[in-house]
Amino acid sequence: MTGRSMAVGAAAVWGALLLCGACAQGRESLPFPLPTDVPFAYHLQTESGGDGALLEGTLDLQYGCLVVLPSWEGFDEELPPVVPVLPIAVTSWDGTTLEVNGESAAVGEPISLGGGFRQTTDDEWFVPEGCPPLAEGADEENYFGVGVN
């Protein structure tokens, strides 16, 4: 190998490393590899922002999927469970307690999450098999995209 071809090879490697470093920016807080053995739905948002809705209720684990059993003041009828789609960059689960955006709740405890209801899924969503399917009716929204604070 000549000195010139070694220099070209080294430049190519250095350029690839710089490019990979630039690609990783903005995604540096994402776990690697992305988990597939967690009981919650998640998305890949890493920057703050999101819708202004509020989901309040009790955290529950149903069929291997963390859901929120919603409760709204003045609403007495039982509501179907809502699947919070959590930002994986700021979410952790230790088997009993969920932490999102620095706030934590154990299964059976009240939880409050900011974001917005969704009627469609996104390519950057992971949804465990035990989660209920996405509601199909125009007025039936059972997935809630949680934003990053």
N, C-alpha and C. Protein backbone atom coordinates (compact mmCIF):
# COMPACT_ATOMS: atom_id res chain seq x y z
N MET A 1 0.85 -1.17 0.00
CA MET A 1 0.00 0.00 0.00
C MET A 1 0.90 1.24 0.00
N THR A 2 0.61 2.17 -0.89
CA THR A 2 1.42 3.38 -0.99
C THR A 2 1.01 4.39 0.07
N GLY A 3 1.89 5.39 0.27
CA GLY A 3 1.60 6.44 1.23
C GLY A 3 0.35 7.20 0.87
N ARG A 4 0.15 7.40 -0.45
CA ARG A 4 -1.02 8.15 -0.90
C ARG A 4 -2.29 7.35 -0.63
N SER A 5 -2.32 6.05 -0.92
CA SER A 5 -3.53 5.26 -0.70
C SER A 5 -3.81 5.13 0.80
N MET A 6 -2.74 5.11 1.63
CA MET A 6 -2.96 5.07 3.08
C MET A 6 -3.59 6.39 3.54
N ALA A 7 -3.12 7.51 2.98
CA ALA A 7 -3.66 8.81 3.36
C ALA A 7 -5.13 8.93 2.94
N VAL A 8 -5.44 8.44 1.73
CA VAL A 8 -6.82 8.47 1.25
C VAL A 8 -7.69 7.59 2.14
N GLY A 9 -7.19 6.40 2.50
CA GLY A 9 -7.95 5.49 3.37
C GLY A 9 -8.17 6.11 4.74
N ALA A 10 -7.15 6.73 5.30
CA ALA A 10 -7.27 7.37 6.62
C ALA A 10 -8.27 8.52 6.55
N ALA A 11 -8.23 9.29 5.47
CA ALA A 11 -9.17 10.41 5.32
C ALA A 11 -10.61 9.89 5.22
N ALA A 12 -10.79 8.78 4.52
CA ALA A 12 -12.13 8.20 4.39
C ALA A 12 -12.65 7.74 5.75
N VAL A 13 -11.78 7.08 6.53
CA VAL A 13 -12.18 6.63 7.86
C VAL A 13 -12.50 7.82 8.74
N TRP A 14 -11.65 8.84 8.73
CA TRP A 14 -11.87 10.03 9.54
C TRP A 14 -13.18 10.72 9.14
N GLY A 15 -13.44 10.83 7.85
CA GLY A 15 -14.68 11.43 7.37
C GLY A 15 -15.90 10.64 7.81
N ALA A 16 -15.81 9.32 7.76
CA ALA A 16 -16.93 8.48 8.21
C ALA A 16 -17.18 8.66 9.70
N LEU A 17 -16.11 8.76 10.49
CA LEU A 17 -16.27 8.97 11.93
C LEU A 17 -16.91 10.32 12.22
N LEU A 18 -16.51 11.36 11.50
CA LEU A 18 -17.11 12.68 11.68
C LEU A 18 -18.59 12.65 11.30
N LEU A 19 -18.90 11.99 10.19
CA LEU A 19 -20.28 11.89 9.73
C LEU A 19 -21.11 11.14 10.76
N CYS A 20 -20.62 10.04 11.28
CA CYS A 20 -21.36 9.27 12.28
C CYS A 20 -21.56 10.09 13.54
N GLY A 21 -20.56 10.87 13.92
CA GLY A 21 -20.69 11.74 15.08
C GLY A 21 -21.78 12.77 14.88
N ALA A 22 -21.87 13.33 13.68
CA ALA A 22 -22.90 14.31 13.39
C ALA A 22 -24.28 13.65 13.39
N CYS A 23 -24.35 12.41 12.89
CA CYS A 23 -25.63 11.70 12.88
C CYS A 23 -26.11 11.42 14.29
N ALA A 24 -25.19 11.17 15.20
CA ALA A 24 -25.57 10.81 16.57
C ALA A 24 -26.07 12.02 17.36
N GLN A 25 -25.69 13.24 16.93
CA GLN A 25 -26.15 14.41 17.67
C GLN A 25 -27.66 14.49 17.59
N GLY A 26 -28.32 14.82 18.70
CA GLY A 26 -29.77 14.87 18.74
C GLY A 26 -30.36 13.53 19.12
N ARG A 27 -29.62 12.47 18.98
CA ARG A 27 -30.08 11.14 19.34
C ARG A 27 -29.19 10.56 20.44
N GLU A 28 -28.31 11.39 21.00
CA GLU A 28 -27.34 10.89 21.96
C GLU A 28 -27.96 10.39 23.24
N SER A 29 -29.19 10.81 23.57
CA SER A 29 -29.81 10.34 24.79
C SER A 29 -30.67 9.10 24.58
N LEU A 30 -30.74 8.60 23.36
CA LEU A 30 -31.49 7.38 23.10
C LEU A 30 -30.67 6.17 23.55
N PRO A 31 -31.31 5.21 24.20
CA PRO A 31 -30.57 4.00 24.57
C PRO A 31 -30.19 3.21 23.32
N PHE A 32 -29.08 2.54 23.40
CA PHE A 32 -28.66 1.69 22.28
C PHE A 32 -28.24 0.34 22.83
N PRO A 33 -28.79 -0.73 22.34
CA PRO A 33 -29.86 -0.77 21.33
C PRO A 33 -31.19 -0.36 21.95
N LEU A 34 -32.13 0.02 21.09
CA LEU A 34 -33.46 0.37 21.59
C LEU A 34 -34.10 -0.86 22.22
N PRO A 35 -34.73 -0.70 23.38
CA PRO A 35 -35.30 -1.87 24.05
C PRO A 35 -36.54 -2.41 23.35
N THR A 36 -36.69 -3.72 23.39
CA THR A 36 -37.89 -4.36 22.85
C THR A 36 -38.56 -5.23 23.90
N ASP A 37 -37.99 -5.24 25.11
CA ASP A 37 -38.53 -6.07 26.18
C ASP A 37 -39.15 -5.25 27.30
N VAL A 38 -39.64 -4.06 26.97
CA VAL A 38 -40.26 -3.19 27.97
C VAL A 38 -41.79 -3.28 27.84
N PRO A 39 -42.52 -3.05 28.95
CA PRO A 39 -43.98 -3.17 28.89
C PRO A 39 -44.68 -1.86 28.55
N PHE A 40 -44.00 -0.97 27.88
CA PHE A 40 -44.63 0.31 27.53
C PHE A 40 -44.34 0.67 26.09
N ALA A 41 -45.27 1.44 25.51
CA ALA A 41 -45.09 1.96 24.16
C ALA A 41 -44.19 3.19 24.25
N TYR A 42 -43.35 3.37 23.25
CA TYR A 42 -42.47 4.54 23.27
C TYR A 42 -42.23 5.08 21.87
N HIS A 43 -41.72 6.32 21.85
CA HIS A 43 -41.32 6.96 20.60
C HIS A 43 -39.92 7.52 20.78
N LEU A 44 -39.33 8.05 19.71
CA LEU A 44 -37.92 8.43 19.70
C LEU A 44 -37.66 9.93 19.86
N GLN A 45 -38.65 10.71 20.23
CA GLN A 45 -38.45 12.16 20.39
C GLN A 45 -37.40 12.41 21.47
N THR A 46 -36.45 13.31 21.18
CA THR A 46 -35.40 13.64 22.15
C THR A 46 -35.41 15.11 22.54
N GLU A 47 -36.08 15.94 21.77
CA GLU A 47 -36.10 17.37 22.07
C GLU A 47 -37.43 17.74 22.71
N SER A 48 -37.42 18.79 23.53
CA SER A 48 -38.62 19.19 24.23
C SER A 48 -39.68 19.67 23.26
N GLY A 49 -40.92 19.52 23.70
CA GLY A 49 -42.04 19.94 22.88
C GLY A 49 -43.11 18.87 22.85
N GLY A 50 -44.27 19.26 22.42
CA GLY A 50 -45.39 18.33 22.32
C GLY A 50 -46.70 19.08 22.40
N ASP A 51 -47.78 18.36 22.33
CA ASP A 51 -49.11 18.95 22.41
C ASP A 51 -49.39 19.40 23.83
N GLY A 52 -50.43 20.18 24.00
CA GLY A 52 -50.74 20.75 25.31
C GLY A 52 -51.83 20.03 26.09
N ALA A 53 -52.17 18.80 25.73
CA ALA A 53 -53.21 18.06 26.45
C ALA A 53 -52.62 17.42 27.70
N LEU A 54 -53.49 17.01 28.61
CA LEU A 54 -53.07 16.40 29.85
C LEU A 54 -53.82 15.09 30.03
N LEU A 55 -53.10 14.03 30.32
CA LEU A 55 -53.68 12.72 30.62
C LEU A 55 -53.44 12.45 32.10
N GLU A 56 -54.53 12.30 32.85
CA GLU A 56 -54.43 12.01 34.27
C GLU A 56 -55.22 10.74 34.56
N GLY A 57 -54.68 9.95 35.48
CA GLY A 57 -55.36 8.72 35.86
C GLY A 57 -54.45 7.86 36.71
N THR A 58 -54.71 6.58 36.68
CA THR A 58 -53.95 5.61 37.47
C THR A 58 -53.14 4.74 36.54
N LEU A 59 -51.85 4.57 36.86
CA LEU A 59 -50.98 3.71 36.06
C LEU A 59 -51.37 2.26 36.33
N ASP A 60 -51.52 1.47 35.27
CA ASP A 60 -51.91 0.07 35.40
C ASP A 60 -51.12 -0.76 34.40
N LEU A 61 -50.94 -2.03 34.73
CA LEU A 61 -50.26 -2.97 33.84
C LEU A 61 -51.30 -4.00 33.41
N GLN A 62 -51.67 -3.99 32.13
CA GLN A 62 -52.68 -4.90 31.61
C GLN A 62 -52.11 -5.68 30.44
N TYR A 63 -52.11 -7.00 30.57
CA TYR A 63 -51.65 -7.89 29.49
C TYR A 63 -50.23 -7.55 29.03
N GLY A 64 -49.38 -7.14 29.97
CA GLY A 64 -48.00 -6.83 29.63
C GLY A 64 -47.79 -5.45 29.03
N CYS A 65 -48.76 -4.55 29.22
CA CYS A 65 -48.67 -3.20 28.65
C CYS A 65 -49.06 -2.18 29.71
N LEU A 66 -48.20 -1.19 29.92
CA LEU A 66 -48.55 -0.10 30.83
C LEU A 66 -49.58 0.81 30.17
N VAL A 67 -50.66 1.06 30.90
CA VAL A 67 -51.74 1.92 30.42
C VAL A 67 -52.09 2.89 31.54
N VAL A 68 -52.83 3.90 31.19
CA VAL A 68 -53.39 4.83 32.18
C VAL A 68 -54.89 4.63 32.17
N LEU A 69 -55.44 4.40 33.36
CA LEU A 69 -56.89 4.34 33.52
C LEU A 69 -57.32 5.77 33.81
N PRO A 70 -57.87 6.46 32.79
CA PRO A 70 -58.11 7.89 32.93
C PRO A 70 -59.20 8.21 33.96
N SER A 71 -59.02 9.34 34.58
CA SER A 71 -60.03 9.86 35.49
C SER A 71 -60.07 11.38 35.31
N TRP A 72 -61.24 11.88 35.02
CA TRP A 72 -61.43 13.30 34.86
C TRP A 72 -62.51 13.76 35.82
N GLU A 73 -62.28 14.85 36.47
CA GLU A 73 -63.22 15.39 37.44
C GLU A 73 -64.57 15.61 36.78
N GLY A 74 -65.63 15.13 37.44
CA GLY A 74 -66.98 15.28 36.92
C GLY A 74 -67.38 14.23 35.90
N PHE A 75 -66.50 13.29 35.61
CA PHE A 75 -66.78 12.23 34.64
C PHE A 75 -66.90 10.93 35.41
N ASP A 76 -68.12 10.42 35.58
CA ASP A 76 -68.35 9.27 36.45
C ASP A 76 -68.27 7.93 35.73
N GLU A 77 -68.49 7.89 34.42
CA GLU A 77 -68.49 6.60 33.73
C GLU A 77 -67.06 6.08 33.55
N GLU A 78 -66.95 4.76 33.49
CA GLU A 78 -65.63 4.14 33.31
C GLU A 78 -65.15 4.36 31.88
N LEU A 79 -63.92 4.79 31.77
CA LEU A 79 -63.32 5.07 30.46
C LEU A 79 -62.36 3.95 30.10
N PRO A 80 -62.20 3.68 28.81
CA PRO A 80 -61.24 2.63 28.40
C PRO A 80 -59.81 3.07 28.71
N PRO A 81 -58.91 2.09 28.89
CA PRO A 81 -57.51 2.43 29.16
C PRO A 81 -56.88 3.18 27.99
N VAL A 82 -55.95 4.05 28.33
CA VAL A 82 -55.21 4.83 27.33
C VAL A 82 -53.76 4.36 27.35
N VAL A 83 -53.20 4.14 26.17
CA VAL A 83 -51.80 3.73 26.05
C VAL A 83 -50.94 4.98 25.91
N PRO A 84 -50.13 5.30 26.94
CA PRO A 84 -49.22 6.43 26.78
C PRO A 84 -48.02 5.99 25.93
N VAL A 85 -47.71 6.76 24.90
CA VAL A 85 -46.54 6.48 24.06
C VAL A 85 -45.46 7.43 24.58
N LEU A 86 -44.51 6.86 25.31
CA LEU A 86 -43.55 7.62 26.11
C LEU A 86 -42.28 7.95 25.33
N PRO A 87 -41.66 9.09 25.62
CA PRO A 87 -40.38 9.42 24.98
C PRO A 87 -39.27 8.59 25.63
N ILE A 88 -38.74 7.61 24.92
CA ILE A 88 -37.77 6.66 25.48
C ILE A 88 -36.51 7.36 26.01
N ALA A 89 -36.18 8.51 25.48
CA ALA A 89 -34.98 9.22 25.92
C ALA A 89 -35.07 9.68 27.37
N VAL A 90 -36.29 9.87 27.89
CA VAL A 90 -36.46 10.36 29.25
C VAL A 90 -37.37 9.44 30.07
N THR A 91 -37.37 8.14 29.72
CA THR A 91 -38.24 7.17 30.38
C THR A 91 -37.42 6.01 30.91
N SER A 92 -37.77 5.57 32.13
CA SER A 92 -37.15 4.35 32.67
C SER A 92 -38.22 3.55 33.40
N TRP A 93 -37.98 2.26 33.51
CA TRP A 93 -38.91 1.32 34.14
C TRP A 93 -38.08 0.31 34.91
N ASP A 94 -38.36 0.15 36.21
CA ASP A 94 -37.59 -0.79 37.02
C ASP A 94 -38.36 -2.06 37.36
N GLY A 95 -39.50 -2.26 36.73
CA GLY A 95 -40.32 -3.44 36.99
C GLY A 95 -41.55 -3.12 37.81
N THR A 96 -41.53 -2.01 38.53
CA THR A 96 -42.70 -1.58 39.30
C THR A 96 -42.98 -0.09 39.18
N THR A 97 -41.93 0.69 38.91
CA THR A 97 -42.08 2.14 38.87
C THR A 97 -41.66 2.68 37.51
N LEU A 98 -42.50 3.55 36.96
CA LEU A 98 -42.23 4.21 35.69
C LEU A 98 -41.76 5.63 36.00
N GLU A 99 -40.68 6.03 35.35
CA GLU A 99 -40.22 7.41 35.47
C GLU A 99 -40.20 8.04 34.08
N VAL A 100 -40.88 9.19 33.96
CA VAL A 100 -40.97 9.92 32.70
C VAL A 100 -40.73 11.39 32.98
N ASN A 101 -39.79 11.98 32.27
CA ASN A 101 -39.50 13.41 32.44
C ASN A 101 -39.20 13.75 33.90
N GLY A 102 -38.59 12.84 34.64
CA GLY A 102 -38.24 13.10 36.03
C GLY A 102 -39.35 12.87 37.04
N GLU A 103 -40.55 12.56 36.59
CA GLU A 103 -41.68 12.25 37.47
C GLU A 103 -41.87 10.73 37.50
N SER A 104 -42.23 10.20 38.68
CA SER A 104 -42.37 8.75 38.75
C SER A 104 -43.71 8.35 39.36
N ALA A 105 -44.17 7.16 38.98
CA ALA A 105 -45.38 6.57 39.51
C ALA A 105 -45.24 5.06 39.44
N ALA A 106 -45.68 4.39 40.49
CA ALA A 106 -45.71 2.93 40.50
C ALA A 106 -47.07 2.49 39.99
N VAL A 107 -47.15 1.23 39.58
CA VAL A 107 -48.43 0.67 39.15
C VAL A 107 -49.42 0.83 40.30
N GLY A 108 -50.60 1.34 40.00
CA GLY A 108 -51.64 1.58 41.00
C GLY A 108 -51.64 3.00 41.55
N GLU A 109 -50.64 3.79 41.18
CA GLU A 109 -50.56 5.17 41.66
C GLU A 109 -51.04 6.15 40.59
N PRO A 110 -51.43 7.36 41.03
CA PRO A 110 -51.84 8.38 40.06
C PRO A 110 -50.65 8.84 39.22
N ILE A 111 -50.96 9.20 37.97
CA ILE A 111 -49.94 9.70 37.06
C ILE A 111 -50.55 10.82 36.23
N SER A 112 -49.74 11.78 35.87
CA SER A 112 -50.16 12.90 35.05
C SER A 112 -49.12 13.10 33.95
N LEU A 113 -49.56 13.08 32.69
CA LEU A 113 -48.64 13.15 31.55
C LEU A 113 -49.11 14.21 30.56
N GLY A 114 -48.19 14.99 30.04
CA GLY A 114 -48.51 16.01 29.05
C GLY A 114 -48.23 15.51 27.64
N GLY A 115 -49.06 15.86 26.70
CA GLY A 115 -48.88 15.44 25.32
C GLY A 115 -50.15 15.62 24.53
N GLY A 116 -50.52 14.61 23.75
CA GLY A 116 -51.73 14.71 22.95
C GLY A 116 -52.21 13.36 22.47
N PHE A 117 -53.53 13.23 22.31
CA PHE A 117 -54.11 11.99 21.83
C PHE A 117 -53.78 11.78 20.36
N ARG A 118 -53.67 10.52 19.96
CA ARG A 118 -53.29 10.16 18.59
C ARG A 118 -54.32 9.18 18.00
N GLN A 119 -54.57 9.34 16.72
CA GLN A 119 -55.45 8.41 16.00
C GLN A 119 -54.66 7.56 15.01
N THR A 120 -53.38 7.84 14.87
CA THR A 120 -52.54 7.05 13.99
C THR A 120 -51.22 6.76 14.69
N THR A 121 -50.54 5.73 14.22
CA THR A 121 -49.22 5.42 14.77
C THR A 121 -48.16 6.11 13.92
N ASP A 122 -46.95 6.05 14.38
CA ASP A 122 -45.82 6.69 13.72
C ASP A 122 -44.76 5.63 13.48
N ASP A 123 -43.93 5.81 12.46
CA ASP A 123 -42.87 4.85 12.16
C ASP A 123 -41.85 4.75 13.29
N GLU A 124 -41.73 5.80 14.12
CA GLU A 124 -40.75 5.78 15.20
C GLU A 124 -41.38 5.37 16.52
N TRP A 125 -42.46 4.61 16.47
CA TRP A 125 -43.13 4.09 17.66
C TRP A 125 -42.78 2.63 17.86
N PHE A 126 -42.61 2.23 19.12
CA PHE A 126 -42.54 0.82 19.48
C PHE A 126 -43.74 0.56 20.39
N VAL A 127 -44.55 -0.43 20.04
CA VAL A 127 -45.72 -0.78 20.84
C VAL A 127 -45.64 -2.27 21.16
N PRO A 128 -45.56 -2.64 22.46
CA PRO A 128 -45.52 -4.06 22.82
C PRO A 128 -46.77 -4.80 22.37
N GLU A 129 -46.65 -6.10 22.16
CA GLU A 129 -47.77 -6.89 21.67
C GLU A 129 -48.97 -6.90 22.62
N GLY A 130 -48.77 -6.74 23.92
CA GLY A 130 -49.87 -6.78 24.87
C GLY A 130 -50.72 -5.53 24.90
N CYS A 131 -50.30 -4.48 24.21
CA CYS A 131 -51.07 -3.23 24.24
C CYS A 131 -52.32 -3.35 23.39
N PRO A 132 -53.40 -2.67 23.82
CA PRO A 132 -54.62 -2.71 23.00
C PRO A 132 -54.37 -2.08 21.64
N PRO A 133 -55.13 -2.50 20.63
CA PRO A 133 -54.95 -1.89 19.31
C PRO A 133 -55.38 -0.43 19.33
N LEU A 134 -54.88 0.31 18.37
CA LEU A 134 -55.26 1.70 18.20
C LEU A 134 -56.75 1.76 17.87
N ALA A 135 -57.52 2.59 18.57
CA ALA A 135 -58.95 2.74 18.32
C ALA A 135 -59.17 3.25 16.89
N GLU A 136 -60.26 2.78 16.27
CA GLU A 136 -60.49 3.13 14.88
C GLU A 136 -61.52 4.22 14.66
N GLY A 137 -62.38 4.49 15.63
CA GLY A 137 -63.42 5.50 15.45
C GLY A 137 -62.87 6.91 15.55
N ALA A 138 -63.53 7.83 14.89
CA ALA A 138 -63.07 9.22 14.88
C ALA A 138 -63.05 9.82 16.28
N ASP A 139 -63.96 9.39 17.14
CA ASP A 139 -64.03 9.92 18.50
C ASP A 139 -63.36 9.01 19.51
N GLU A 140 -62.72 7.96 19.07
CA GLU A 140 -62.09 7.00 19.96
C GLU A 140 -60.58 7.13 19.88
N GLU A 141 -60.02 7.83 20.83
CA GLU A 141 -58.57 8.02 20.86
C GLU A 141 -58.03 7.35 22.11
N ASN A 142 -57.27 6.27 21.94
CA ASN A 142 -56.76 5.55 23.09
C ASN A 142 -55.23 5.50 23.14
N TYR A 143 -54.56 6.25 22.28
CA TYR A 143 -53.11 6.39 22.33
C TYR A 143 -52.79 7.84 22.60
N PHE A 144 -51.83 8.07 23.52
CA PHE A 144 -51.51 9.43 23.94
C PHE A 144 -50.00 9.61 23.81
N GLY A 145 -49.57 10.44 22.86
CA GLY A 145 -48.15 10.72 22.66
C GLY A 145 -47.66 11.69 23.72
N VAL A 146 -46.76 11.22 24.58
CA VAL A 146 -46.23 12.05 25.67
C VAL A 146 -45.03 12.83 25.15
N GLY A 147 -44.98 14.12 25.45
CA GLY A 147 -43.88 14.96 25.00
C GLY A 147 -42.72 14.97 25.98
N VAL A 148 -41.60 15.48 25.52
CA VAL A 148 -40.41 15.64 26.36
C VAL A 148 -40.47 17.03 26.99
N ASN A 149 -40.29 17.09 28.30
CA ASN A 149 -40.29 18.39 28.98
C ASN A 149 -38.95 19.06 28.82
